[in-house]
Amino acid sequence: MMLEFPDVRQAREEREVIGGFAGRDQLLPVLHAVTDRIGWISPHALSLIASTWGVQPAEVATVVRSHPRFSLDERPGRQLRVCTDVVCRDAGADTVCDVLTEHVGAAGKAVAGVMWLRSPCFGACEEAPAALAFQAGDPPMTERLAPATGASAVLSTRRPLVPESDVDGS
């Protein structure tokens, strides 16, 4: 039997995040908080959440699997999500995905610490096609690309994100 130990820094950060929540009604907020800090829900985080809430890990895993933003599979902290729902697809999301595949790699595959994913709608239909760049951390950072182009999507995977307050000068 092979024992696996969590990354010490990551485990400390997961405990720090999870410790700030209490009560079963906080399951979605804690999953968002762990994803914001780490980028995914590790086996260690899943077990810690389950034991903190007094539920089976399978119950937490079911919630994680039902939400497209969460993942039980390791993901890098840097991610780009391209909306591929009907409005964005009709506005050119498939072209954005084709350009990302050519210049960054296949969807769902980490390359050089970045992963891009096809995503359901995140509410930018009026500016379709839309994409959302995300960097896990404290604080997590996001950048909305709307309308997104292949070039803007590729560029967003290659340059650092800045906190949103820095974008508008506040």
Protein backbone atom coordinates (compact mmCIF):
# COMPACT_ATOMS: atom_id res chain seq x y z
CA MET A 1 0.00 0.00 0.00
CA MET A 2 1.37 3.40 -1.02
CA LEU A 3 0.68 6.34 1.26
CA GLU A 4 0.13 9.73 -0.30
CA PHE A 5 0.78 12.87 1.66
CA PRO A 6 -0.67 16.24 0.70
CA ASP A 7 1.57 19.10 -0.29
CA VAL A 8 2.32 20.71 3.09
CA ARG A 9 1.85 24.32 1.95
CA GLN A 10 -1.35 23.48 0.11
CA ALA A 11 -2.70 21.45 3.07
CA ARG A 12 -2.02 24.40 5.40
CA GLU A 13 -3.84 26.77 3.06
CA GLU A 14 -6.78 24.36 2.73
CA ARG A 15 -7.08 24.08 6.53
CA GLU A 16 -6.91 27.87 6.82
CA VAL A 17 -9.69 28.37 4.27
CA ILE A 18 -11.95 25.57 5.52
CA GLY A 19 -11.56 26.65 9.15
CA GLY A 20 -13.34 29.91 8.35
CA PHE A 21 -16.64 28.15 7.63
CA ALA A 22 -19.11 26.28 9.80
CA GLY A 23 -22.44 24.58 9.16
CA ARG A 24 -23.78 22.47 6.33
CA ASP A 25 -25.36 25.52 4.71
CA GLN A 26 -21.79 26.71 4.06
CA LEU A 27 -20.80 23.80 1.79
CA LEU A 28 -20.95 25.76 -1.48
CA PRO A 29 -19.20 28.81 -0.02
CA VAL A 30 -16.34 26.66 1.35
CA LEU A 31 -15.97 24.84 -1.99
CA HIS A 32 -15.77 28.20 -3.75
CA ALA A 33 -13.24 29.46 -1.19
CA VAL A 34 -10.98 26.40 -1.57
CA THR A 35 -11.20 26.62 -5.37
CA ASP A 36 -10.42 30.34 -5.22
CA ARG A 37 -7.32 29.73 -3.10
CA ILE A 38 -6.00 26.44 -4.57
CA GLY A 39 -7.71 26.00 -7.96
CA TRP A 40 -9.27 22.59 -7.25
CA ILE A 41 -10.63 20.37 -4.44
CA SER A 42 -7.85 17.99 -3.40
CA PRO A 43 -8.47 14.66 -1.63
CA HIS A 44 -7.14 16.28 1.55
CA ALA A 45 -9.57 19.20 1.25
CA LEU A 46 -12.46 16.84 0.45
CA SER A 47 -11.74 14.75 3.56
CA LEU A 48 -11.29 17.81 5.75
CA ILE A 49 -14.56 19.36 4.55
CA ALA A 50 -16.43 16.08 5.06
CA SER A 51 -15.06 15.56 8.58
CA THR A 52 -15.69 19.20 9.53
CA TRP A 53 -19.32 18.95 8.42
CA GLY A 54 -19.81 15.39 9.68
CA VAL A 55 -20.79 14.00 6.29
CA GLN A 56 -19.42 11.29 4.05
CA PRO A 57 -16.76 12.35 1.53
CA ALA A 58 -19.01 10.93 -1.22
CA GLU A 59 -21.65 13.52 -0.35
CA VAL A 60 -19.15 16.36 -0.77
CA ALA A 61 -17.78 14.76 -3.95
CA THR A 62 -21.29 14.63 -5.43
CA VAL A 63 -21.68 18.37 -4.92
CA VAL A 64 -18.23 19.02 -6.41
CA ARG A 65 -18.99 16.91 -9.49
CA SER A 66 -22.31 18.72 -10.06
CA HIS A 67 -20.70 22.17 -10.38
CA PRO A 68 -18.56 22.97 -13.46
CA ARG A 69 -16.28 25.36 -11.57
CA PHE A 70 -15.17 22.72 -9.09
CA SER A 71 -12.87 19.81 -9.79
CA LEU A 72 -11.64 16.75 -7.92
CA ASP A 73 -8.88 16.41 -10.52
CA GLU A 74 -5.75 18.45 -9.97
CA ARG A 75 -5.75 21.69 -11.90
CA PRO A 76 -3.15 24.41 -12.07
CA GLY A 77 -3.96 27.64 -10.29
CA ARG A 78 -4.15 29.45 -13.65
CA GLN A 79 -7.24 28.61 -15.71
CA LEU A 80 -9.15 30.08 -18.62
CA ARG A 81 -12.79 29.17 -19.11
CA VAL A 82 -14.40 29.71 -22.50
CA CYS A 83 -18.19 29.79 -22.54
CA THR A 84 -19.44 27.33 -25.15
CA ASP A 85 -23.17 27.60 -24.48
CA VAL A 86 -25.42 28.38 -27.44
CA VAL A 87 -25.11 32.20 -27.51
CA CYS A 88 -21.31 32.21 -27.23
CA ARG A 89 -20.97 29.31 -29.65
CA ASP A 90 -23.10 31.18 -32.20
CA ALA A 91 -20.91 34.27 -31.68
CA GLY A 92 -17.63 32.43 -32.35
CA ALA A 93 -16.62 30.51 -29.21
CA ASP A 94 -15.62 27.48 -31.31
CA THR A 95 -13.08 29.64 -33.15
CA VAL A 96 -11.69 30.89 -29.82
CA CYS A 97 -11.37 27.24 -28.69
CA ASP A 98 -9.67 26.24 -31.95
CA VAL A 99 -7.09 29.01 -31.55
CA LEU A 100 -6.47 28.02 -27.91
CA THR A 101 -6.01 24.39 -28.93
CA GLU A 102 -3.49 25.40 -31.58
CA HIS A 103 -1.48 27.80 -29.39
CA VAL A 104 -1.97 26.57 -25.81
CA GLY A 105 -2.94 22.90 -26.05
CA ALA A 106 -5.97 20.68 -25.65
CA ALA A 107 -8.85 21.75 -23.42
CA GLY A 108 -8.51 20.34 -19.91
CA LYS A 109 -4.78 19.67 -20.24
CA ALA A 110 -2.32 21.64 -18.12
CA VAL A 111 0.52 23.15 -20.16
CA ALA A 112 3.16 25.35 -18.52
CA GLY A 113 0.98 25.88 -15.44
CA VAL A 114 -2.12 26.93 -17.40
CA MET A 115 -5.27 25.05 -18.33
CA TRP A 116 -8.16 26.17 -20.49
CA LEU A 117 -11.60 24.62 -20.31
CA ARG A 118 -14.90 24.72 -22.13
CA SER A 119 -17.48 26.12 -19.74
CA PRO A 120 -21.20 26.63 -19.43
CA CYS A 121 -22.55 30.18 -19.42
CA PHE A 122 -21.29 32.65 -16.85
CA GLY A 123 -23.60 35.52 -17.70
CA ALA A 124 -21.93 37.61 -20.40
CA CYS A 125 -24.27 36.73 -23.28
CA GLU A 126 -24.60 40.36 -24.33
CA GLU A 127 -20.85 40.43 -25.06
CA ALA A 128 -20.46 36.95 -26.54
CA PRO A 129 -18.25 35.07 -26.99
CA ALA A 130 -17.04 35.30 -23.43
CA ALA A 131 -14.12 33.88 -21.51
CA LEU A 132 -12.98 34.19 -17.92
CA ALA A 133 -9.32 34.04 -16.87
CA PHE A 134 -8.73 32.92 -13.28
CA GLN A 135 -5.67 32.77 -11.03
CA ALA A 136 -6.09 30.96 -7.70
CA GLY A 137 -4.49 32.59 -4.71
CA ASP A 138 -4.99 35.03 -1.90
CA PRO A 139 -6.60 37.01 -3.32
CA PRO A 140 -7.81 35.10 -6.37
CA MET A 141 -7.78 37.15 -9.55
CA THR A 142 -10.10 37.12 -12.54
CA GLU A 143 -10.30 38.87 -15.86
CA ARG A 144 -13.37 38.77 -18.06
CA LEU A 145 -12.75 38.67 -21.80
CA ALA A 146 -15.95 39.76 -23.48
CA PRO A 147 -16.08 39.69 -26.34
CA ALA A 148 -13.21 37.21 -26.46
CA THR A 149 -11.10 36.55 -29.52
CA GLY A 150 -8.62 33.78 -30.13
CA ALA A 151 -5.78 36.26 -29.73
CA SER A 152 -7.11 37.78 -26.48
CA ALA A 153 -7.69 34.31 -25.05
CA VAL A 154 -4.16 33.12 -25.87
CA LEU A 155 -2.68 36.35 -24.52
CA SER A 156 -4.62 35.96 -21.26
CA THR A 157 -2.92 32.59 -20.68
CA ARG A 158 0.54 34.12 -21.10
CA ARG A 159 0.50 37.33 -19.09
CA PRO A 160 -0.04 37.82 -15.38
CA LEU A 161 -3.46 38.81 -14.15
CA VAL A 162 -3.72 41.92 -12.04
CA PRO A 163 -6.20 42.44 -9.20
CA GLU A 164 -9.37 44.03 -10.58
CA SER A 165 -8.88 47.12 -8.40
CA ASP A 166 -5.59 47.73 -10.27
CA VAL A 167 -7.31 47.56 -13.65
CA ASP A 168 -9.56 50.55 -13.08
CA GLY A 169 -7.03 52.57 -11.09
CA SER A 170 -8.81 52.24 -7.72
